Amino acid sequence: RASAASSKGTENSQNAATTQASGTLAEPITPEDKERAASSEQSAAATEEKKQTDVYTYERTPATQGEATCVFAGDFLFDSGYSVMTKISQSGGIGNVIGADLMAQMQSADVTMINNEFPYTNEGTPTAGKQYTFHADPSCVKYLQDMGVDAVSVANNHSYDYGETGLLNTLTTLESAGIAHAGAGRNLDEASHIIYYNVGEIKIALIASTDIEQMDNPDTKGATETEPGVFRSVDDKLLLQRIQQAKATGAFVVVFIHWGKESVTEPSWLPLEQAPQIAAAGADLIVGDHSHCLQKLDYVNGVPVIYSLGNFLFNSKTVDTCLLKATFDRNGLKNLQFIPAVQAGCTVSSAQGSEKTRIIGEMAGMSPGVNLDQDGNVTAR
């Protein structure tokens, strides 16, 4: 795949009143009239819904016939004021700071999705009083294309760091680069939209939301019916509706959600409370992030959950991380693989030998609800 934009495909009232005219009553409305009007109204609504769906639907030729592979990675940061971008610039590109085998996994997957933890903008004003505010030059979107990224979550607590201007510039930048975005938008309808990938005969749906900043007036503004922002799901009613909507299309549904607490390996109360609700609504896989470290794998009512992917390429710290590879066939999730890696010195590489054994062992130790074999394949215990 030369780039995500070029090689993974392209996107694809009832009137019930009687009236008077020339002093004469109009013909009364019959039950048949009402039925025809209702049918017409439903048809118009379905047409409008299809138009909205088509905007966020992409076609993919499967790498393996009869399967759809999805790869997920955690937090990325391309802010020139931080060390990762210095390393990328000095190294001559992102392909020199991400290990070749990890790049190959991302580039060869039918669908690759990451957490984009910053806005693409040179405009806007940083949020007053916020400890860390990030932004990146819009040209940095090329690194997503180089990695083969198809979709990003912008449902996080840094997408609004440079205000409405920064967020809107981010959406425009991603769209211009052919990168699908989920979890933020110009209004709530767009922020909560579902991305669909038709991979051969298999349909994958991606939905992104954020639970971070659980207060009435957060730094990261939530989208409204008329105003831009992120898709907030502390109250998860709309999230559950979107999952049900996606499931009704016959898609396998992946929920990518920004939740929990930073720098702790145990999921907090809200993810533990919401995961069963998300599973019950019809999700086939739940992928979490935000903690900047790995959190456990589990099965909730038969649905696999990774509570946090951790950092992938975010800072200079040495931390364990991963790619999560999900393979679907016509019957559902065929295989789930935890691919261990290490972020260190502003690079990320796959874990090998004793390091691989250590990370898989530690993940297995914190994940009593799963079996994890030596290659990272995940099954329910």
Protein backbone atom coordinates (compact mmCIF):
# COMPACT_ATOMS: atom_id res chain seq x y z
CA ARG A 1 0.00 0.00 0.00
CA ALA A 2 1.53 3.30 -1.03
CA SER A 3 -0.94 5.25 1.08
CA ALA A 4 -4.22 4.86 2.88
CA ALA A 5 -5.82 7.32 0.49
CA SER A 6 -4.67 5.70 -2.76
CA SER A 7 -4.57 1.94 -2.15
CA LYS A 8 -7.40 1.12 0.18
CA GLY A 9 -10.19 2.46 -2.02
CA THR A 10 -12.37 5.55 -2.06
CA GLU A 11 -15.49 6.65 -0.26
CA ASN A 12 -18.37 6.23 -1.40
CA SER A 13 -44.37 15.76 5.61
CA GLN A 14 -47.26 14.19 5.59
CA ASN A 15 -50.10 16.79 5.09
CA ALA A 16 -53.06 15.52 7.12
CA ALA A 17 -55.32 18.60 7.19
CA THR A 18 -58.41 19.29 5.12
CA THR A 19 -58.54 22.63 3.35
CA GLN A 20 -61.22 24.99 2.05
CA ALA A 21 -61.10 26.30 -1.49
CA SER A 22 -63.72 28.59 -3.12
CA GLY A 23 -65.94 28.00 -0.10
CA THR A 24 -65.95 24.22 -0.67
CA LEU A 25 -64.49 21.57 1.65
CA ALA A 26 -61.70 19.50 0.16
CA GLU A 27 -62.16 15.77 -0.29
CA PRO A 28 -61.76 13.97 3.06
CA ILE A 29 -58.49 12.09 3.60
CA THR A 30 -58.99 8.34 3.42
CA PRO A 31 -57.02 5.67 5.27
CA GLU A 32 -55.40 4.80 1.93
CA ASP A 33 -54.25 8.42 1.55
CA LYS A 34 -52.67 8.33 5.01
CA GLU A 35 -50.94 5.04 4.25
CA ARG A 36 -49.50 6.41 1.00
CA ALA A 37 -48.30 9.58 2.75
CA ALA A 38 -46.71 7.60 5.57
CA SER A 39 -44.99 5.31 3.09
CA SER A 40 -43.69 8.31 1.15
CA GLU A 41 -42.40 9.90 4.35
CA GLN A 42 -40.63 6.70 5.42
CA SER A 43 -39.08 6.36 1.97
CA ALA A 44 -37.79 9.94 2.11
CA ALA A 45 -36.31 9.32 5.57
CA ALA A 46 -34.63 6.13 4.38
CA THR A 47 -33.21 7.93 1.34
CA GLU A 48 -31.78 10.66 3.56
CA GLU A 49 -30.28 8.09 5.93
CA LYS A 50 -28.70 6.28 2.98
CA LYS A 51 -27.16 9.53 1.74
CA GLN A 52 -25.64 10.11 5.18
CA THR A 53 -24.39 6.51 5.34
CA ASP A 54 -22.88 6.66 1.86
CA VAL A 55 -20.71 9.62 2.87
CA TYR A 56 -18.97 7.46 5.44
CA THR A 57 -18.84 4.18 3.51
CA TYR A 58 -15.63 2.87 1.97
CA GLU A 59 -14.96 -0.12 -0.25
CA ARG A 60 -11.98 -2.42 0.26
CA THR A 61 -10.70 -5.40 -1.68
CA PRO A 62 -9.81 -7.94 1.02
CA ALA A 63 -6.17 -8.90 1.41
CA THR A 64 -7.40 -12.45 2.09
CA GLN A 65 -10.58 -13.58 0.37
CA GLY A 66 -13.43 -14.10 2.81
CA GLU A 67 -11.76 -12.18 5.63
CA ALA A 68 -11.45 -8.60 6.87
CA THR A 69 -8.45 -7.66 9.00
CA CYS A 70 -8.50 -4.61 11.26
CA VAL A 71 -5.46 -3.28 13.11
CA PHE A 72 -5.73 -0.82 16.00
CA ALA A 73 -2.99 1.27 17.62
CA GLY A 74 -3.08 3.67 20.55
CA ASP A 75 -1.95 7.25 21.10
CA PHE A 76 0.02 9.27 18.55
CA LEU A 77 1.48 12.80 18.87
CA PHE A 78 2.99 14.83 16.01
CA ASP A 79 3.43 18.16 17.84
CA SER A 80 6.71 19.82 16.74
CA GLY A 81 7.23 21.10 20.28
CA TYR A 82 7.68 17.56 21.57
CA SER A 83 10.38 14.97 21.14
CA VAL A 84 8.58 12.51 18.87
CA MET A 85 8.43 15.00 15.99
CA THR A 86 12.08 15.91 16.50
CA LYS A 87 12.94 12.22 16.19
CA ILE A 88 10.80 11.76 13.07
CA SER A 89 12.40 14.81 11.41
CA GLN A 90 15.93 13.77 12.32
CA SER A 91 15.31 10.20 11.18
CA GLY A 92 13.96 11.13 7.78
CA GLY A 93 10.37 10.02 8.22
CA ILE A 94 8.02 7.95 10.30
CA GLY A 95 9.12 4.73 8.64
CA ASN A 96 12.44 5.10 10.45
CA VAL A 97 10.94 5.37 13.94
CA ILE A 98 8.31 2.61 13.67
CA GLY A 99 9.66 -0.90 13.25
CA ALA A 100 9.35 -2.40 9.78
CA ASP A 101 7.26 -5.37 10.97
CA LEU A 102 4.80 -3.08 12.77
CA MET A 103 4.57 -0.87 9.69
CA ALA A 104 3.89 -3.95 7.59
CA GLN A 105 1.04 -5.01 9.88
CA MET A 106 -0.56 -1.56 9.62
CA GLN A 107 -0.06 -1.22 5.88
CA SER A 108 -1.28 -4.70 5.00
CA ALA A 109 -4.47 -4.64 7.10
CA ASP A 110 -7.74 -4.01 5.31
CA VAL A 111 -8.57 -1.32 7.90
CA THR A 112 -6.11 0.42 10.23
CA MET A 113 -7.27 2.84 12.95
CA ILE A 114 -5.30 4.88 15.52
CA ASN A 115 -5.99 7.48 18.20
CA ASN A 116 -5.08 10.95 16.86
CA GLU A 117 -4.36 12.78 20.13
CA PHE A 118 -3.97 16.36 18.79
CA PRO A 119 -5.45 18.80 16.27
CA TYR A 120 -3.89 19.51 12.86
CA THR A 121 -3.74 23.30 12.88
CA ASN A 122 -1.50 26.35 12.83
CA GLU A 123 -4.43 28.52 13.85
CA GLY A 124 -6.61 28.86 16.91
CA THR A 125 -5.76 29.60 20.53
CA PRO A 126 -4.58 27.04 23.09
CA THR A 127 -7.10 26.30 25.85
CA ALA A 128 -6.44 28.68 28.75
CA GLY A 129 -5.29 27.01 31.94
CA LYS A 130 -4.84 23.55 30.42
CA GLN A 131 -1.53 21.93 31.38
CA TYR A 132 -0.84 20.27 28.03
CA THR A 133 -2.14 21.63 24.74
CA PHE A 134 -1.03 19.94 21.54
CA HIS A 135 -1.17 20.77 17.86
CA ALA A 136 0.61 19.70 14.68
CA ASP A 137 1.28 21.25 11.31
CA PRO A 138 -1.36 19.96 8.86
CA SER A 139 1.42 18.59 6.64
CA CYS A 140 2.05 15.93 9.29
CA VAL A 141 -1.06 14.11 8.10
CA LYS A 142 1.23 12.51 5.53
CA TYR A 143 2.59 10.28 8.29
CA LEU A 144 -0.83 8.67 8.62
CA GLN A 145 -0.77 7.95 4.89
CA ASP A 146 2.74 6.51 5.16
CA MET A 147 1.56 4.11 7.88
CA GLY A 148 -1.46 3.03 5.88
CA VAL A 149 -3.93 4.49 8.37
CA ASP A 150 -7.50 4.45 7.11
CA ALA A 151 -9.36 5.98 10.05
CA VAL A 152 -8.56 7.93 13.18
CA SER A 153 -10.42 8.56 16.39
CA VAL A 154 -10.53 12.24 17.25
CA ALA A 155 -12.72 11.50 20.26
CA ASN A 156 -10.20 12.43 22.93
CA ASN A 157 -9.30 15.17 25.39
CA HIS A 158 -6.81 16.94 23.08
CA SER A 159 -8.73 17.33 19.80
CA TYR A 160 -10.14 20.64 21.04
CA ASP A 161 -6.83 21.97 22.47
CA TYR A 162 -6.85 24.84 19.94
CA GLY A 163 -10.57 25.46 20.15
CA GLU A 164 -13.19 25.27 17.45
CA THR A 165 -10.79 26.57 14.81
CA GLY A 166 -8.28 23.83 15.58
CA LEU A 167 -10.91 21.11 15.50
CA LEU A 168 -12.43 22.28 12.22
CA ASN A 169 -8.97 22.53 10.64
CA THR A 170 -8.32 18.96 11.80
CA LEU A 171 -11.46 17.63 10.14
CA THR A 172 -10.65 19.43 6.89
CA THR A 173 -7.04 18.21 6.94
CA LEU A 174 -8.03 14.58 7.46
CA GLU A 175 -10.73 14.75 4.79
CA SER A 176 -8.33 16.29 2.28
CA ALA A 177 -5.86 13.47 2.95
CA GLY A 178 -8.47 10.75 2.50
CA ILE A 179 -8.37 9.71 6.15
CA ALA A 180 -11.74 8.91 7.73
CA HIS A 181 -12.39 10.42 11.15
CA ALA A 182 -14.76 9.39 13.93
CA GLY A 183 -15.69 10.85 17.30
CA ALA A 184 -15.75 14.57 16.50
CA GLY A 185 -17.55 16.71 13.97
CA ARG A 186 -19.11 19.98 12.91
CA ASN A 187 -22.23 19.00 14.83
CA LEU A 188 -23.39 16.06 16.93
CA ASP A 189 -24.73 14.12 13.98
CA GLU A 190 -21.34 14.20 12.30
CA ALA A 191 -19.41 13.64 15.54
CA SER A 192 -21.38 10.48 16.30
CA HIS A 193 -21.41 9.12 12.75
CA ILE A 194 -20.54 5.52 11.93
CA ILE A 195 -17.74 4.68 9.49
CA TYR A 196 -18.48 1.63 7.35
CA TYR A 197 -15.96 -0.49 5.45
CA ASN A 198 -17.22 -3.04 2.97
CA VAL A 199 -14.32 -5.49 2.79
CA GLY A 200 -15.50 -7.81 0.09
CA GLU A 201 -18.73 -9.25 1.51
CA ILE A 202 -17.86 -8.36 5.11
CA LYS A 203 -19.07 -5.07 6.56
CA ILE A 204 -17.12 -3.43 9.41
CA ALA A 205 -18.55 -0.48 11.38
CA LEU A 206 -16.34 1.84 13.45
CA ILE A 207 -17.73 4.17 16.14
CA ALA A 208 -15.62 6.44 18.37
CA SER A 209 -16.51 8.40 21.50
CA THR A 210 -14.94 9.83 24.66
CA ASP A 211 -15.76 9.65 28.37
CA ILE A 212 -12.97 11.98 29.49
CA GLU A 213 -13.57 15.22 31.47
CA GLN A 214 -16.69 14.11 33.29
CA MET A 215 -17.93 17.57 34.19
CA ASP A 216 -20.62 19.94 32.94
CA ASN A 217 -18.20 22.41 31.34
CA PRO A 218 -15.21 20.41 30.00
CA ASP A 219 -12.16 21.87 28.28
CA THR A 220 -12.90 19.55 25.37
CA LYS A 221 -16.25 20.78 24.12
CA GLY A 222 -18.90 18.25 23.24
CA ALA A 223 -20.65 18.58 19.91
CA THR A 224 -24.26 19.79 19.89
CA GLU A 225 -26.94 19.74 17.21
CA THR A 226 -25.52 22.95 15.76
CA GLU A 227 -21.98 23.33 17.13
CA PRO A 228 -18.68 21.49 16.60
CA GLY A 229 -17.08 19.28 19.22
CA VAL A 230 -16.34 15.70 20.22
CA PHE A 231 -18.79 12.84 20.69
CA ARG A 232 -19.14 12.66 24.48
CA SER A 233 -20.51 9.39 25.86
CA VAL A 234 -20.45 9.74 29.65
CA ASP A 235 -24.19 9.55 29.09
CA ASP A 236 -23.99 6.69 26.61
CA LYS A 237 -27.58 6.72 25.31
CA LEU A 238 -26.65 8.01 21.83
CA LEU A 239 -23.59 5.75 21.66
CA LEU A 240 -25.76 2.71 22.30
CA GLN A 241 -28.22 3.89 19.65
CA ARG A 242 -25.41 4.22 17.12
CA ILE A 243 -24.20 0.70 17.91
CA GLN A 244 -27.71 -0.67 17.40
CA GLN A 245 -28.03 1.31 14.17
CA ALA A 246 -24.77 -0.14 12.84
CA LYS A 247 -25.65 -3.66 13.91
CA ALA A 248 -28.97 -3.44 12.08
CA THR A 249 -27.06 -3.05 8.79
CA GLY A 250 -25.42 -6.44 9.23
CA ALA A 251 -22.06 -4.95 10.14
CA PHE A 252 -19.57 -6.22 12.69
CA VAL A 253 -19.26 -3.30 15.10
CA VAL A 254 -16.06 -2.00 16.68
CA VAL A 255 -16.33 0.68 19.37
CA PHE A 256 -13.14 2.73 19.86
CA ILE A 257 -13.56 4.64 23.12
CA HIS A 258 -11.42 7.11 25.06
CA TRP A 259 -12.04 6.31 28.74
CA GLY A 260 -10.52 5.55 32.13
CA LYS A 261 -7.69 7.24 34.02
CA GLU A 262 -4.17 8.10 32.95
CA SER A 263 -1.14 6.11 34.09
CA VAL A 264 -3.04 3.32 35.85
CA THR A 265 -3.22 -0.28 34.65
CA GLU A 266 -6.62 -0.99 36.22
CA PRO A 267 -9.77 0.09 34.37
CA SER A 268 -11.79 2.66 36.33
CA TRP A 269 -15.44 2.35 37.31
CA LEU A 270 -17.01 3.93 34.22
CA PRO A 271 -15.39 1.64 31.61
CA LEU A 272 -16.27 -1.36 33.77
CA GLU A 273 -19.86 -0.11 33.96
CA GLN A 274 -20.20 0.79 30.28
CA ALA A 275 -18.53 -2.22 28.68
CA PRO A 276 -21.47 -4.58 29.38
CA GLN A 277 -23.92 -1.97 28.02
CA ILE A 278 -21.84 -1.53 24.86
CA ALA A 279 -21.65 -5.30 24.41
CA ALA A 280 -25.39 -5.71 24.95
CA ALA A 281 -26.11 -3.02 22.33
CA GLY A 282 -24.38 -5.15 19.69
CA ALA A 283 -20.65 -4.36 19.69
CA ASP A 284 -18.41 -7.17 18.46
CA LEU A 285 -15.17 -5.64 19.78
CA ILE A 286 -14.44 -2.83 22.25
CA VAL A 287 -11.11 -0.99 21.96
CA GLY A 288 -10.16 1.50 24.67
CA ASP A 289 -7.44 4.08 25.12
CA HIS A 290 -6.43 7.15 27.18
CA SER A 291 -4.40 5.64 30.06
CA HIS A 292 -1.06 5.92 28.15
CA CYS A 293 -0.31 2.40 29.36
CA LEU A 294 -1.66 -1.05 28.60
CA GLN A 295 -4.75 -2.23 30.45
CA LYS A 296 -6.27 -5.68 30.58
CA LEU A 297 -7.98 -7.79 27.98
CA ASP A 298 -11.29 -9.36 28.90
CA TYR A 299 -14.51 -10.82 27.56
CA VAL A 300 -17.75 -9.11 28.62
CA ASN A 301 -20.86 -11.12 27.81
CA GLY A 302 -18.86 -12.87 25.11
CA VAL A 303 -17.48 -9.65 23.58
CA PRO A 304 -13.70 -9.03 23.70
CA VAL A 305 -12.49 -5.80 25.30
CA ILE A 306 -9.05 -4.25 25.56
CA TYR A 307 -9.45 -1.48 28.09
CA SER A 308 -6.44 0.48 26.84
CA LEU A 309 -3.97 0.15 23.97
CA GLY A 310 -1.60 2.60 25.69
CA ASN A 311 0.81 4.92 23.90
CA PHE A 312 2.02 3.87 20.48
CA LEU A 313 4.17 6.80 19.37
CA PHE A 314 3.53 9.56 21.86
CA ASN A 315 6.66 10.49 23.83
CA SER A 316 10.18 9.42 24.79
CA LYS A 317 9.19 7.20 27.72
CA THR A 318 9.85 3.48 27.68
CA VAL A 319 6.45 1.79 27.89
CA ASP A 320 4.93 -1.47 26.71
CA THR A 321 2.41 -1.11 23.92
CA CYS A 322 0.80 -3.17 21.18
CA LEU A 323 -1.07 -3.49 17.97
CA LEU A 324 -4.43 -5.24 18.24
CA LYS A 325 -5.27 -7.27 15.14
CA ALA A 326 -8.85 -8.45 14.65
CA THR A 327 -9.74 -10.82 11.82
CA PHE A 328 -13.40 -11.15 10.85
CA ASP A 329 -15.04 -13.62 8.52
CA ARG A 330 -18.68 -13.98 7.50
CA ASN A 331 -19.48 -15.54 10.91
CA GLY A 332 -17.94 -12.77 13.02
CA LEU A 333 -14.65 -12.35 14.86
CA LYS A 334 -12.43 -15.22 13.74
CA ASN A 335 -9.25 -14.28 15.58
CA LEU A 336 -7.94 -11.60 17.93
CA GLN A 337 -4.22 -11.07 18.32
CA PHE A 338 -2.32 -8.93 20.81
CA ILE A 339 0.98 -7.96 19.11
CA PRO A 340 3.39 -6.74 21.81
CA ALA A 341 5.68 -3.79 21.18
CA VAL A 342 7.79 -1.26 23.08
CA GLN A 343 7.79 2.52 22.79
CA ALA A 344 11.23 3.83 23.78
CA GLY A 345 13.25 6.90 22.87
CA CYS A 346 10.55 8.23 20.53
CA THR A 347 10.51 5.01 18.52
CA VAL A 348 8.32 1.92 18.64
CA SER A 349 9.36 -1.60 17.73
CA SER A 350 7.86 -5.05 18.05
CA ALA A 351 8.89 -7.02 21.11
CA GLN A 352 11.06 -10.06 20.41
CA GLY A 353 12.44 -12.96 22.40
CA SER A 354 12.38 -12.58 26.17
CA GLU A 355 10.83 -9.11 25.88
CA LYS A 356 7.90 -10.51 23.93
CA THR A 357 7.49 -13.30 26.47
CA ARG A 358 7.57 -10.78 29.32
CA ILE A 359 4.92 -8.46 27.85
CA ILE A 360 2.57 -11.29 26.91
CA GLY A 361 3.06 -12.79 30.37
CA GLU A 362 2.29 -9.49 32.10
CA MET A 363 -0.78 -8.92 29.95
CA ALA A 364 -1.97 -12.45 30.70
CA GLY A 365 -1.39 -11.82 34.41
CA MET A 366 -3.61 -8.74 34.45
CA SER A 367 -6.24 -10.43 32.23
CA PRO A 368 -7.68 -13.41 34.13
CA GLY A 369 -10.68 -13.60 31.81
CA VAL A 370 -8.67 -14.57 28.72
CA ASN A 371 -6.23 -17.12 27.43
CA LEU A 372 -3.20 -15.57 25.72
CA ASP A 373 -0.85 -17.87 23.86
CA GLN A 374 2.83 -17.31 23.05
CA ASP A 375 1.93 -15.56 19.80
CA GLY A 376 -0.56 -13.23 21.50
CA ASN A 377 -3.70 -14.92 20.22
CA VAL A 378 -6.62 -14.11 22.53
CA THR A 379 -9.49 -16.41 23.47
CA ALA A 380 -12.06 -16.38 26.25
CA ARG A 381 -11.21 -18.42 29.30
